[in-house]
Amino acid sequence: MLAISWLDSVAGPDPVTGANLEHSNQQHQEIVDAILRGDADGAYQVALDHLQGTASLPHGFLVSPEDSSPAASGDS
């Protein structure tokens, strides 16, 4: 919950961000559960899904709505 508190202090409460963090926490628990079961393939798949699903989230915090062109964000 530290991440939620930090985001709330920076951007104010955001139900979308909160939902994303709850989903992320659920995925983390699934990874831990798979590891504890000895299911390396399952842990890998959940971790991969998690990383792919969250890879674009920071972009939304770094690009301002006024200047979201690919050149401004470093994308080509």
C-alpha atoms as a PDB file:
ATOM      1  CA  MET A   1       0.000   0.000   0.000  1.00  0.00           C
ATOM      2  CA  LEU A   2       3.026   2.281   0.151  1.00  0.00           C
ATOM      3  CA  ALA A   3       2.817   2.796  -3.630  1.00  0.00           C
ATOM      4  CA  ILE A   4      -0.819   3.898  -3.354  1.00  0.00           C
ATOM      5  CA  SER A   5       0.071   6.391  -0.618  1.00  0.00           C
ATOM      6  CA  TRP A   6       2.935   7.782  -2.690  1.00  0.00           C
ATOM      7  CA  LEU A   7       0.779   8.129  -5.812  1.00  0.00           C
ATOM      8  CA  ASP A   8      -2.008   9.754  -3.812  1.00  0.00           C
ATOM      9  CA  SER A   9       0.471  12.286  -2.423  1.00  0.00           C
ATOM     10  CA  VAL A  10       1.779  13.091  -5.916  1.00  0.00           C
ATOM     11  CA  ALA A  11      -1.384  13.027  -8.015  1.00  0.00           C
ATOM     12  CA  GLY A  12      -4.246  12.772  -5.562  1.00  0.00           C
ATOM     13  CA  PRO A  13      -6.521   9.749  -5.206  1.00  0.00           C
ATOM     14  CA  ASP A  14      -7.200   8.114  -8.565  1.00  0.00           C
ATOM     15  CA  PRO A  15      -9.627   5.202  -8.815  1.00  0.00           C
ATOM     16  CA  VAL A  16      -7.989   3.922 -12.013  1.00  0.00           C
ATOM     17  CA  THR A  17      -4.523   3.911 -10.456  1.00  0.00           C
ATOM     18  CA  GLY A  18      -5.919   2.286  -7.336  1.00  0.00           C
ATOM     19  CA  ALA A  19      -7.530  -0.459  -9.411  1.00  0.00           C
ATOM     20  CA  ASN A  20      -4.279  -0.986 -11.315  1.00  0.00           C
ATOM     21  CA  LEU A  21      -2.333  -1.300  -8.067  1.00  0.00           C
ATOM     22  CA  GLU A  22      -4.854  -3.739  -6.626  1.00  0.00           C
ATOM     23  CA  HIS A  23      -4.573  -5.846  -9.782  1.00  0.00           C
ATOM     24  CA  SER A  24      -0.780  -5.634  -9.580  1.00  0.00           C
ATOM     25  CA  ASN A  25      -0.844  -6.789  -5.963  1.00  0.00           C
ATOM     26  CA  GLN A  26      -3.048  -9.726  -6.978  1.00  0.00           C
ATOM     27  CA  GLN A  27      -0.568 -10.683  -9.687  1.00  0.00           C
ATOM     28  CA  HIS A  28       2.307 -10.463  -7.203  1.00  0.00           C
ATOM     29  CA  GLN A  29       0.439 -12.847  -4.908  1.00  0.00           C
ATOM     30  CA  GLU A  30      -0.146 -15.240  -7.820  1.00  0.00           C
ATOM     31  CA  ILE A  31       3.598 -15.205  -8.562  1.00  0.00           C
ATOM     32  CA  VAL A  32       4.434 -15.973  -4.921  1.00  0.00           C
ATOM     33  CA  ASP A  33       1.804 -18.729  -4.784  1.00  0.00           C
ATOM     34  CA  ALA A  34       3.194 -20.348  -7.942  1.00  0.00           C
ATOM     35  CA  ILE A  35       6.736 -20.208  -6.534  1.00  0.00           C
ATOM     36  CA  LEU A  36       5.603 -21.770  -3.262  1.00  0.00           C
ATOM     37  CA  ARG A  37       3.864 -24.547  -5.238  1.00  0.00           C
ATOM     38  CA  GLY A  38       7.093 -25.163  -7.111  1.00  0.00           C
ATOM     39  CA  ASP A  39       5.423 -24.114 -10.374  1.00  0.00           C
ATOM     40  CA  ALA A  40       8.253 -22.289 -12.133  1.00  0.00           C
ATOM     41  CA  ASP A  41       6.437 -22.159 -15.481  1.00  0.00           C
ATOM     42  CA  GLY A  42       3.307 -20.738 -13.852  1.00  0.00           C
ATOM     43  CA  ALA A  43       5.312 -18.117 -11.941  1.00  0.00           C
ATOM     44  CA  TYR A  44       7.129 -17.172 -15.131  1.00  0.00           C
ATOM     45  CA  GLN A  45       3.886 -16.802 -17.095  1.00  0.00           C
ATOM     46  CA  VAL A  46       2.187 -14.670 -14.437  1.00  0.00           C
ATOM     47  CA  ALA A  47       5.323 -12.515 -14.099  1.00  0.00           C
ATOM     48  CA  LEU A  48       5.524 -12.098 -17.865  1.00  0.00           C
ATOM     49  CA  ASP A  49       1.839 -11.140 -18.089  1.00  0.00           C
ATOM     50  CA  HIS A  50       2.328  -8.692 -15.238  1.00  0.00           C
ATOM     51  CA  LEU A  51       5.358  -7.048 -16.831  1.00  0.00           C
ATOM     52  CA  GLN A  52       3.742  -6.782 -20.250  1.00  0.00           C
ATOM     53  CA  GLY A  53       0.555  -5.367 -18.764  1.00  0.00           C
ATOM     54  CA  THR A  54       2.297  -2.725 -16.698  1.00  0.00           C
ATOM     55  CA  ALA A  55       5.062  -1.702 -19.107  1.00  0.00           C
ATOM     56  CA  SER A  56       3.047   1.199 -20.509  1.00  0.00           C
ATOM     57  CA  LEU A  57       1.715   2.570 -17.205  1.00  0.00           C
ATOM     58  CA  PRO A  58       4.681   4.847 -16.370  1.00  0.00           C
ATOM     59  CA  HIS A  59       4.391   6.456 -19.802  1.00  0.00           C
ATOM     60  CA  GLY A  60       1.086   7.996 -18.729  1.00  0.00           C
ATOM     61  CA  PHE A  61       2.804   9.696 -15.811  1.00  0.00           C
ATOM     62  CA  LEU A  62       5.740  10.977 -17.852  1.00  0.00           C
ATOM     63  CA  VAL A  63       4.044  12.485 -20.919  1.00  0.00           C
ATOM     64  CA  SER A  64       1.977  15.605 -20.419  1.00  0.00           C
ATOM     65  CA  PRO A  65      -1.415  15.771 -22.208  1.00  0.00           C
ATOM     66  CA  GLU A  66      -0.284  18.982 -23.954  1.00  0.00           C
ATOM     67  CA  ASP A  67       2.783  17.351 -25.486  1.00  0.00           C
ATOM     68  CA  SER A  68       2.098  13.679 -26.134  1.00  0.00           C
ATOM     69  CA  SER A  69       3.551  13.422 -29.637  1.00  0.00           C
ATOM     70  CA  PRO A  70       5.883  10.467 -30.303  1.00  0.00           C
ATOM     71  CA  ALA A  71       8.833  12.854 -30.782  1.00  0.00           C
ATOM     72  CA  ALA A  72       8.213  14.488 -27.402  1.00  0.00           C
ATOM     73  CA  SER A  73       7.967  11.144 -25.604  1.00  0.00           C
ATOM     74  CA  GLY A  74      11.074   9.687 -27.225  1.00  0.00           C
ATOM     75  CA  ASP A  75       9.128   7.076 -29.243  1.00  0.00           C
ATOM     76  CA  SER A  76       9.932   6.720 -32.926  1.00  0.00           C
END
